[in-house]
Amino acid sequence: MLRVKIVAVTTMQSNAIQKLHKEIVAEFKRCDAGKSRFNLSGYLGTQNKLYHLKSAQQNSIAKDFLNRHKDISEEQFLELLTALYTGESFNERTFGTRLLEYKRAFKPLFTPSRVFGWLGGLAGWCEVDSLCQTTFMARDLLGDWKNWEKTIEKMSRDKNISRRRASLVLLVKSVRGSGDDRLASLAFDNLERLKGEKDILVSKAVSWLLRDLIKHHKARVSAFLVDNKDVLPKFVIKEVSNKLTYGTKSHK
């Protein structure tokens, strides 16, 4: 009898989350502007279904949704996040952090192991970066450093290219905001591991992380360029050299 009751409650919760998920997708469909001449899917690096929405529209959808569901529990929010990160559309897969902007109390749900898992279903630079680049600051990573260090290092060795990109992008905001040697050491270890990758999804992130390391570790970045001049893609050397010399990646 107890087992039947537990199954019934679990099913009820899943049905409730399905309803919330469908509510969000319905808003995407309602606001969708249709196809544009610009190849937005190609730019974003996604082959998933795409609703043509402005960023402000998606922010409004997130804010209004949470205003309608102020009593959403932490457990429900987590289940909804997992549903979104495995959704059919690009918009679903980038919507989790938009919701988080209006529900900051649920930030602890974004644990290293969950982020690792969610990344397995993401593709293209924007889906990855929407989860990794804007969500975590130095204090977030350093506050649970043992687990973040282990997970990010694991990402850098993963067969999934989205996780390899994430191992670099997750550190971008942190190394720019903090000179902590733990962040820098992990960043340079991952860069050493991924410096030779030719896929633009990773090589662009290599350039990005190196450029943001300049703020607190300029000498180490300069030495890294010299030591790896025959390994790094030419555009990476150019962008990082420009940043070192002129303060911008595309000096003219």
Foldseek 3Di string as FASTA:
>chain_A
DVVVVVVVVVVVLVVVLVVLLVVLVVLLVVQAPDDDPDPVCVVQQHPFDERDDDPVSLLVSLQVSCVVVVVQDLVSLLVNLLCQLQDRHLSSLLNNVSNCVNVVVSLVSPFLVVLLVSLVRDGGQRSLCSSAQPNDEQCRCVVVVVRNLVSLLVLLPDPDVSSVLSSLNNLLRHLLVDLDVSSVVSNVVSCVSCQQDDPCSRLVSSLSSLLSNCNNPVVVSVVVCVVQVVRHPPLSSQQNVCCSPPVGRDDD
